Amino acid sequence: MTSAFIAARRPADVAREVERQRKSGCTRFVLRPFDDGAMLDQERLAARYAAGLQAEVELEGHSSPAAKSVEGSGVGATHVAAVR
C-alpha cells in the first residue's frame, strides 16, 4: 500500500492533492492536523471522496473510524508540500 502525507490546509487543496496522488497509485492518505481535529480538519477529511471508496484517508494522531492514528506506520513515503 502506497501512502501520501498531505499537508495542504484548504479542503479544496487537500482534495486536489489526493486526486493527484491517487492517480499515481497512492491508496492511503494521512492529513497533518491544523485544527486539533475540529471543524477545519473534519472538512479536510472530506478528501476521502476524492480518494475513492477503496482508499484510506486519516487524520494524523487521531483515532476514530474516520481518522486512525498512524504512529509507527511508516507513513511518509510521499510528502506533499504545505499550502499556506
PDB file of N, CA and C in Angstrom:
ATOM      1  N   MET A   1       0.851  -1.177   0.000  1.00  0.00           N
ATOM      2  CA  MET A   1       0.000   0.000   0.000  1.00  0.00           C
ATOM      3  C   MET A   1       0.893   1.234   0.000  1.00  0.00           C
ATOM      4  N   THR A   2       0.661   2.144  -0.917  1.00  0.00           N
ATOM      5  CA  THR A   2       1.431   3.373  -1.007  1.00  0.00           C
ATOM      6  C   THR A   2       0.707   4.468  -0.238  1.00  0.00           C
ATOM      7  N   SER A   3       1.462   5.194   0.593  1.00  0.00           N
ATOM      8  CA  SER A   3       0.886   6.244   1.424  1.00  0.00           C
ATOM      9  C   SER A   3       1.375   7.612   0.993  1.00  0.00           C
ATOM     10  N   ALA A   4       0.521   8.611   1.175  1.00  0.00           N
ATOM     11  CA  ALA A   4       0.891  10.003   0.917  1.00  0.00           C
ATOM     12  C   ALA A   4       0.572  10.810   2.159  1.00  0.00           C
ATOM     13  N   PHE A   5       1.485  11.660   2.563  1.00  0.00           N
ATOM     14  CA  PHE A   5       1.293  12.559   3.696  1.00  0.00           C
ATOM     15  C   PHE A   5       0.873  13.901   3.136  1.00  0.00           C
ATOM     16  N   ILE A   6      -0.330  14.344   3.452  1.00  0.00           N
ATOM     17  CA  ILE A   6      -0.898  15.567   2.886  1.00  0.00           C
ATOM     18  C   ILE A   6      -0.844  16.681   3.929  1.00  0.00           C
ATOM     19  N   ALA A   7      -0.214  17.802   3.577  1.00  0.00           N
ATOM     20  CA  ALA A   7      -0.084  18.919   4.497  1.00  0.00           C
ATOM     21  C   ALA A   7      -0.800  20.169   3.995  1.00  0.00           C
ATOM     22  N   ALA A   8      -1.565  20.067   2.923  1.00  0.00           N
ATOM     23  CA  ALA A   8      -2.322  21.219   2.420  1.00  0.00           C
ATOM     24  C   ALA A   8      -3.357  21.622   3.461  1.00  0.00           C
ATOM     25  N   ARG A   9      -3.609  22.897   3.577  1.00  0.00           N
ATOM     26  CA  ARG A   9      -4.515  23.395   4.613  1.00  0.00           C
ATOM     27  C   ARG A   9      -5.971  23.502   4.139  1.00  0.00           C
ATOM     28  N   ARG A  10      -6.189  24.084   2.968  1.00  0.00           N
ATOM     29  CA  ARG A  10      -7.556  24.303   2.482  1.00  0.00           C
ATOM     30  C   ARG A  10      -8.155  22.991   1.966  1.00  0.00           C
ATOM     31  N   PRO A  11      -9.417  22.711   2.306  1.00  0.00           N
ATOM     32  CA  PRO A  11     -10.050  21.466   1.863  1.00  0.00           C
ATOM     33  C   PRO A  11      -9.963  21.237   0.351  1.00  0.00           C
ATOM     34  N   ALA A  12     -10.120  22.281  -0.455  1.00  0.00           N
ATOM     35  CA  ALA A  12     -10.047  22.126  -1.914  1.00  0.00           C
ATOM     36  C   ALA A  12      -8.646  21.692  -2.343  1.00  0.00           C
ATOM     37  N   ASP A  13      -7.623  22.231  -1.682  1.00  0.00           N
ATOM     38  CA  ASP A  13      -6.251  21.847  -1.997  1.00  0.00           C
ATOM     39  C   ASP A  13      -5.965  20.413  -1.571  1.00  0.00           C
ATOM     40  N   VAL A  14      -6.556  20.009  -0.442  1.00  0.00           N
ATOM     41  CA  VAL A  14      -6.407  18.625   0.015  1.00  0.00           C
ATOM     42  C   VAL A  14      -7.001  17.679  -1.021  1.00  0.00           C
ATOM     43  N   ALA A  15      -8.220  17.976  -1.462  1.00  0.00           N
ATOM     44  CA  ALA A  15      -8.885  17.122  -2.452  1.00  0.00           C
ATOM     45  C   ALA A  15      -8.081  17.046  -3.747  1.00  0.00           C
ATOM     46  N   ARG A  16      -7.546  18.164  -4.193  1.00  0.00           N
ATOM     47  CA  ARG A  16      -6.743  18.205  -5.426  1.00  0.00           C
ATOM     48  C   ARG A  16      -5.481  17.345  -5.280  1.00  0.00           C
ATOM     49  N   GLU A  17      -4.813  17.466  -4.131  1.00  0.00           N
ATOM     50  CA  GLU A  17      -3.595  16.696  -3.893  1.00  0.00           C
ATOM     51  C   GLU A  17      -3.905  15.206  -3.784  1.00  0.00           C
ATOM     52  N   VAL A  18      -5.014  14.868  -3.140  1.00  0.00           N
ATOM     53  CA  VAL A  18      -5.423  13.463  -3.028  1.00  0.00           C
ATOM     54  C   VAL A  18      -5.710  12.891  -4.413  1.00  0.00           C
ATOM     55  N   GLU A  19      -6.429  13.621  -5.236  1.00  0.00           N
ATOM     56  CA  GLU A  19      -6.723  13.150  -6.597  1.00  0.00           C
ATOM     57  C   GLU A  19      -5.425  12.918  -7.382  1.00  0.00           C
ATOM     58  N   ARG A  20      -4.483  13.851  -7.268  1.00  0.00           N
ATOM     59  CA  ARG A  20      -3.213  13.732  -7.984  1.00  0.00           C
ATOM     60  C   ARG A  20      -2.424  12.512  -7.504  1.00  0.00           C
ATOM     61  N   GLN A  21      -2.355  12.337  -6.202  1.00  0.00           N
ATOM     62  CA  GLN A  21      -1.618  11.207  -5.647  1.00  0.00           C
ATOM     63  C   GLN A  21      -2.315   9.873  -5.932  1.00  0.00           C
ATOM     64  N   ARG A  22      -3.637   9.901  -5.947  1.00  0.00           N
ATOM     65  CA  ARG A  22      -4.406   8.682  -6.244  1.00  0.00           C
ATOM     66  C   ARG A  22      -4.097   8.196  -7.657  1.00  0.00           C
ATOM     67  N   LYS A  23      -4.001   9.141  -8.592  1.00  0.00           N
ATOM     68  CA  LYS A  23      -3.681   8.784  -9.980  1.00  0.00           C
ATOM     69  C   LYS A  23      -2.291   8.173 -10.105  1.00  0.00           C
ATOM     70  N   SER A  24      -1.397   8.506  -9.173  1.00  0.00           N
ATOM     71  CA  SER A  24      -0.047   7.937  -9.216  1.00  0.00           C
ATOM     72  C   SER A  24       0.063   6.657  -8.388  1.00  0.00           C
ATOM     73  N   GLY A  25      -1.075   6.172  -7.882  1.00  0.00           N
ATOM     74  CA  GLY A  25      -1.080   4.873  -7.231  1.00  0.00           C
ATOM     75  C   GLY A  25      -1.228   4.849  -5.722  1.00  0.00           C
ATOM     76  N   CYS A  26      -1.312   5.990  -5.074  1.00  0.00           N
ATOM     77  CA  CYS A  26      -1.478   6.010  -3.615  1.00  0.00           C
ATOM     78  C   CYS A  26      -2.872   5.510  -3.238  1.00  0.00           C
ATOM     79  N   THR A  27      -2.933   4.774  -2.142  1.00  0.00           N
ATOM     80  CA  THR A  27      -4.217   4.268  -1.666  1.00  0.00           C
ATOM     81  C   THR A  27      -4.481   4.641  -0.214  1.00  0.00           C
ATOM     82  N   ARG A  28      -3.520   5.291   0.409  1.00  0.00           N
ATOM     83  CA  ARG A  28      -3.669   5.702   1.808  1.00  0.00           C
ATOM     84  C   ARG A  28      -3.172   7.133   1.946  1.00  0.00           C
ATOM     85  N   PHE A  29      -3.969   7.969   2.596  1.00  0.00           N
ATOM     86  CA  PHE A  29      -3.660   9.383   2.719  1.00  0.00           C
ATOM     87  C   PHE A  29      -3.753   9.791   4.183  1.00  0.00           C
ATOM     88  N   VAL A  30      -2.717  10.441   4.675  1.00  0.00           N
ATOM     89  CA  VAL A  30      -2.674  10.898   6.057  1.00  0.00           C
ATOM     90  C   VAL A  30      -2.582  12.413   6.043  1.00  0.00           C
ATOM     91  N   LEU A  31      -3.523  13.059   6.710  1.00  0.00           N
ATOM     92  CA  LEU A  31      -3.573  14.521   6.749  1.00  0.00           C
ATOM     93  C   LEU A  31      -2.940  15.032   8.033  1.00  0.00           C
ATOM     94  N   ARG A  32      -2.057  16.019   7.920  1.00  0.00           N
ATOM     95  CA  ARG A  32      -1.500  16.674   9.106  1.00  0.00           C
ATOM     96  C   ARG A  32      -2.603  17.554   9.706  1.00  0.00           C
ATOM     97  N   PRO A  33      -2.885  17.419  10.997  1.00  0.00           N
ATOM     98  CA  PRO A  33      -3.937  18.235  11.612  1.00  0.00           C
ATOM     99  C   PRO A  33      -3.528  19.708  11.732  1.00  0.00           C
ATOM    100  N   PHE A  34      -4.472  20.601  11.509  1.00  0.00           N
ATOM    101  CA  PHE A  34      -4.261  22.032  11.680  1.00  0.00           C
ATOM    102  C   PHE A  34      -5.187  22.593  12.751  1.00  0.00           C
ATOM    103  N   ASP A  35      -6.281  21.882  13.037  1.00  0.00           N
ATOM    104  CA  ASP A  35      -7.340  22.405  13.895  1.00  0.00           C
ATOM    105  C   ASP A  35      -7.624  21.433  15.040  1.00  0.00           C
ATOM    106  N   ASP A  36      -6.631  20.661  15.447  1.00  0.00           N
ATOM    107  CA  ASP A  36      -6.748  19.682  16.533  1.00  0.00           C
ATOM    108  C   ASP A  36      -7.961  18.769  16.360  1.00  0.00           C
ATOM    109  N   GLY A  37      -8.258  18.419  15.118  1.00  0.00           N
ATOM    110  CA  GLY A  37      -9.360  17.505  14.835  1.00  0.00           C
ATOM    111  C   GLY A  37     -10.729  18.172  14.771  1.00  0.00           C
ATOM    112  N   ALA A  38     -10.772  19.491  14.912  1.00  0.00           N
ATOM    113  CA  ALA A  38     -12.053  20.207  14.919  1.00  0.00           C
ATOM    114  C   ALA A  38     -12.557  20.439  13.488  1.00  0.00           C
ATOM    115  N   MET A  39     -13.384  21.449  13.302  1.00  0.00           N
ATOM    116  CA  MET A  39     -14.131  21.663  12.062  1.00  0.00           C
ATOM    117  C   MET A  39     -13.263  21.701  10.802  1.00  0.00           C
ATOM    118  N   LEU A  40     -12.179  22.483  10.796  1.00  0.00           N
ATOM    119  CA  LEU A  40     -11.347  22.576   9.599  1.00  0.00           C
ATOM    120  C   LEU A  40     -10.801  21.197   9.219  1.00  0.00           C
ATOM    121  N   ASP A  41     -10.323  20.447  10.207  1.00  0.00           N
ATOM    122  CA  ASP A  41      -9.793  19.123   9.915  1.00  0.00           C
ATOM    123  C   ASP A  41     -10.886  18.181   9.425  1.00  0.00           C
ATOM    124  N   GLN A  42     -12.085  18.294   9.962  1.00  0.00           N
ATOM    125  CA  GLN A  42     -13.181  17.447   9.505  1.00  0.00           C
ATOM    126  C   GLN A  42     -13.540  17.768   8.049  1.00  0.00           C
ATOM    127  N   GLU A  43     -13.505  19.054   7.707  1.00  0.00           N
ATOM    128  CA  GLU A  43     -13.757  19.441   6.311  1.00  0.00           C
ATOM    129  C   GLU A  43     -12.652  18.902   5.404  1.00  0.00           C
ATOM    130  N   ARG A  44     -11.425  18.924   5.882  1.00  0.00           N
ATOM    131  CA  ARG A  44     -10.310  18.405   5.102  1.00  0.00           C
ATOM    132  C   ARG A  44     -10.436  16.896   4.904  1.00  0.00           C
ATOM    133  N   LEU A  45     -11.005  16.204   5.884  1.00  0.00           N
ATOM    134  CA  LEU A  45     -11.189  14.759   5.765  1.00  0.00           C
ATOM    135  C   LEU A  45     -12.186  14.398   4.671  1.00  0.00           C
ATOM    136  N   ALA A  46     -12.960  15.363   4.220  1.00  0.00           N
ATOM    137  CA  ALA A  46     -13.888  15.111   3.118  1.00  0.00           C
ATOM    138  C   ALA A  46     -13.132  14.708   1.855  1.00  0.00           C
ATOM    139  N   ALA A  47     -11.816  14.831   1.870  1.00  0.00           N
ATOM    140  CA  ALA A  47     -10.990  14.412   0.735  1.00  0.00           C
ATOM    141  C   ALA A  47     -11.163  12.925   0.452  1.00  0.00           C
ATOM    142  N   ARG A  48     -11.721  12.175   1.390  1.00  0.00           N
ATOM    143  CA  ARG A  48     -11.933  10.737   1.128  1.00  0.00           C
ATOM    144  C   ARG A  48     -12.809  10.534  -0.091  1.00  0.00           C
ATOM    145  N   TYR A  49     -13.651  11.504  -0.418  1.00  0.00           N
ATOM    146  CA  TYR A  49     -14.485  11.384  -1.621  1.00  0.00           C
ATOM    147  C   TYR A  49     -13.629  11.504  -2.878  1.00  0.00           C
ATOM    148  N   ALA A  50     -12.601  12.329  -2.834  1.00  0.00           N
ATOM    149  CA  ALA A  50     -11.690  12.461  -3.978  1.00  0.00           C
ATOM    150  C   ALA A  50     -10.815  11.217  -4.108  1.00  0.00           C
ATOM    151  N   ALA A  51     -10.567  10.553  -2.993  1.00  0.00           N
ATOM    152  CA  ALA A  51      -9.696   9.381  -3.000  1.00  0.00           C
ATOM    153  C   ALA A  51     -10.403   8.131  -3.501  1.00  0.00           C
ATOM    154  N   GLY A  52     -11.715   8.088  -3.384  1.00  0.00           N
ATOM    155  CA  GLY A  52     -12.457   6.898  -3.791  1.00  0.00           C
ATOM    156  C   GLY A  52     -12.729   5.983  -2.612  1.00  0.00           C
ATOM    157  N   LEU A  53     -13.643   5.079  -2.788  1.00  0.00           N
ATOM    158  CA  LEU A  53     -14.081   4.213  -1.698  1.00  0.00           C
ATOM    159  C   LEU A  53     -13.014   3.241  -1.221  1.00  0.00           C
ATOM    160  N   GLN A  54     -12.096   2.854  -2.082  1.00  0.00           N
ATOM    161  CA  GLN A  54     -11.087   1.868  -1.721  1.00  0.00           C
ATOM    162  C   GLN A  54      -9.899   2.468  -0.959  1.00  0.00           C
ATOM    163  N   ALA A  55      -9.780   3.785  -0.915  1.00  0.00           N
ATOM    164  CA  ALA A  55      -8.650   4.441  -0.272  1.00  0.00           C
ATOM    165  C   ALA A  55      -8.939   4.739   1.197  1.00  0.00           C
ATOM    166  N   GLU A  56      -7.876   4.872   1.974  1.00  0.00           N
ATOM    167  CA  GLU A  56      -7.974   5.268   3.373  1.00  0.00           C
ATOM    168  C   GLU A  56      -7.544   6.733   3.489  1.00  0.00           C
ATOM    169  N   VAL A  57      -8.343   7.532   4.208  1.00  0.00           N
ATOM    170  CA  VAL A  57      -7.981   8.920   4.479  1.00  0.00           C
ATOM    171  C   VAL A  57      -8.054   9.087   5.988  1.00  0.00           C
ATOM    172  N   GLU A  58      -6.937   9.488   6.598  1.00  0.00           N
ATOM    173  CA  GLU A  58      -6.832   9.567   8.046  1.00  0.00           C
ATOM    174  C   GLU A  58      -6.271  10.908   8.480  1.00  0.00           C
ATOM    175  N   LEU A  59      -6.569  11.279   9.724  1.00  0.00           N
ATOM    176  CA  LEU A  59      -6.013  12.477  10.331  1.00  0.00           C
ATOM    177  C   LEU A  59      -4.899  12.029  11.272  1.00  0.00           C
ATOM    178  N   GLU A  60      -3.694  12.485  11.033  1.00  0.00           N
ATOM    179  CA  GLU A  60      -2.523  12.064  11.798  1.00  0.00           C
ATOM    180  C   GLU A  60      -2.730  12.268  13.297  1.00  0.00           C
ATOM    181  N   GLY A  61      -2.468  11.212  14.068  1.00  0.00           N
ATOM    182  CA  GLY A  61      -2.523  11.315  15.515  1.00  0.00           C
ATOM    183  C   GLY A  61      -3.898  11.212  16.143  1.00  0.00           C
ATOM    184  N   HIS A  62      -4.935  11.025  15.349  1.00  0.00           N
ATOM    185  CA  HIS A  62      -6.296  10.905  15.876  1.00  0.00           C
ATOM    186  C   HIS A  62      -6.802   9.506  15.595  1.00  0.00           C
ATOM    187  N   SER A  63      -7.478   8.927  16.577  1.00  0.00           N
ATOM    188  CA  SER A  63      -8.007   7.583  16.353  1.00  0.00           C
ATOM    189  C   SER A  63      -9.525   7.603  16.425  1.00  0.00           C
ATOM    190  N   SER A  64     -10.145   7.176  15.356  1.00  0.00           N
ATOM    191  CA  SER A  64     -11.589   7.019  15.247  1.00  0.00           C
ATOM    192  C   SER A  64     -11.817   6.237  13.970  1.00  0.00           C
ATOM    193  N   PRO A  65     -13.034   5.795  13.695  1.00  0.00           N
ATOM    194  CA  PRO A  65     -13.252   5.067  12.447  1.00  0.00           C
ATOM    195  C   PRO A  65     -12.855   5.873  11.214  1.00  0.00           C
ATOM    196  N   ALA A  66     -13.027   7.195  11.261  1.00  0.00           N
ATOM    197  CA  ALA A  66     -12.716   8.025  10.094  1.00  0.00           C
ATOM    198  C   ALA A  66     -11.285   8.528  10.109  1.00  0.00           C
ATOM    199  N   ALA A  67     -10.650   8.511  11.271  1.00  0.00           N
ATOM    200  CA  ALA A  67      -9.305   9.072  11.373  1.00  0.00           C
ATOM    201  C   ALA A  67      -8.483   8.266  12.360  1.00  0.00           C
ATOM    202  N   LYS A  68      -7.711   7.320  11.873  1.00  0.00           N
ATOM    203  CA  LYS A  68      -6.939   6.432  12.726  1.00  0.00           C
ATOM    204  C   LYS A  68      -5.542   6.991  12.954  1.00  0.00           C
ATOM    205  N   SER A  69      -4.957   6.617  14.078  1.00  0.00           N
ATOM    206  CA  SER A  69      -3.587   7.009  14.377  1.00  0.00           C
ATOM    207  C   SER A  69      -2.625   6.312  13.430  1.00  0.00           C
ATOM    208  N   VAL A  70      -1.603   7.014  13.019  1.00  0.00           N
ATOM    209  CA  VAL A  70      -0.632   6.430  12.105  1.00  0.00           C
ATOM    210  C   VAL A  70       0.742   6.346  12.746  1.00  0.00           C
ATOM    211  N   GLU A  71       0.816   6.513  14.056  1.00  0.00           N
ATOM    212  CA  GLU A  71       2.090   6.472  14.744  1.00  0.00           C
ATOM    213  C   GLU A  71       2.771   5.127  14.516  1.00  0.00           C
ATOM    214  N   GLY A  72       3.991   5.162  14.062  1.00  0.00           N
ATOM    215  CA  GLY A  72       4.743   3.947  13.819  1.00  0.00           C
ATOM    216  C   GLY A  72       4.349   3.206  12.558  1.00  0.00           C
ATOM    217  N   SER A  73       3.592   3.822  11.688  1.00  0.00           N
ATOM    218  CA  SER A  73       3.109   3.132  10.495  1.00  0.00           C
ATOM    219  C   SER A  73       4.035   3.277   9.304  1.00  0.00           C
ATOM    220  N   GLY A  74       5.059   4.132   9.424  1.00  0.00           N
ATOM    221  CA  GLY A  74       5.955   4.327   8.307  1.00  0.00           C
ATOM    222  C   GLY A  74       5.400   5.274   7.264  1.00  0.00           C
ATOM    223  N   VAL A  75       4.340   6.009   7.600  1.00  0.00           N
ATOM    224  CA  VAL A  75       3.762   6.958   6.656  1.00  0.00           C
ATOM    225  C   VAL A  75       4.796   8.014   6.339  1.00  0.00           C
ATOM    226  N   GLY A  76       4.814   8.459   5.143  1.00  0.00           N
ATOM    227  CA  GLY A  76       5.751   9.477   4.726  1.00  0.00           C
ATOM    228  C   GLY A  76       6.468   9.074   3.459  1.00  0.00           C
ATOM    229  N   ALA A  77       6.009   8.021   2.823  1.00  0.00           N
ATOM    230  CA  ALA A  77       6.617   7.579   1.582  1.00  0.00           C
ATOM    231  C   ALA A  77       6.548   8.677   0.533  1.00  0.00           C
ATOM    232  N   THR A  78       5.482   9.438   0.552  1.00  0.00           N
ATOM    233  CA  THR A  78       5.323  10.551  -0.365  1.00  0.00           C
ATOM    234  C   THR A  78       4.946  11.778   0.465  1.00  0.00           C
ATOM    235  N   HIS A  79       5.742  12.823   0.405  1.00  0.00           N
ATOM    236  CA  HIS A  79       5.431  14.035   1.147  1.00  0.00           C
ATOM    237  C   HIS A  79       4.906  15.094   0.186  1.00  0.00           C
ATOM    238  N   VAL A  80       3.892  15.805   0.636  1.00  0.00           N
ATOM    239  CA  VAL A  80       3.290  16.856  -0.155  1.00  0.00           C
ATOM    240  C   VAL A  80       3.526  18.166   0.557  1.00  0.00           C
ATOM    241  N   ALA A  81       4.017  19.151  -0.141  1.00  0.00           N
ATOM    242  CA  ALA A  81       4.328  20.449   0.471  1.00  0.00           C
ATOM    243  C   ALA A  81       3.067  21.130   0.973  1.00  0.00           C
ATOM    244  N   ALA A  82       3.195  21.825   2.065  1.00  0.00           N
ATOM    245  CA  ALA A  82       2.071  22.549   2.647  1.00  0.00           C
ATOM    246  C   ALA A  82       1.687  23.716   1.763  1.00  0.00           C
ATOM    247  N   VAL A  83       0.406  23.990   1.723  1.00  0.00           N
ATOM    248  CA  VAL A  83      -0.117  25.154   1.012  1.00  0.00           C
ATOM    249  C   VAL A  83      -0.536  26.155   2.072  1.00  0.00           C
ATOM    250  N   ARG A  84       0.031  27.311   2.049  1.00  0.00           N
ATOM    251  CA  ARG A  84      -0.280  28.311   3.093  1.00  0.00           C
ATOM    252  C   ARG A  84      -0.834  29.552   2.457  1.00  0.00           C
TER     253      ARG A  84
END
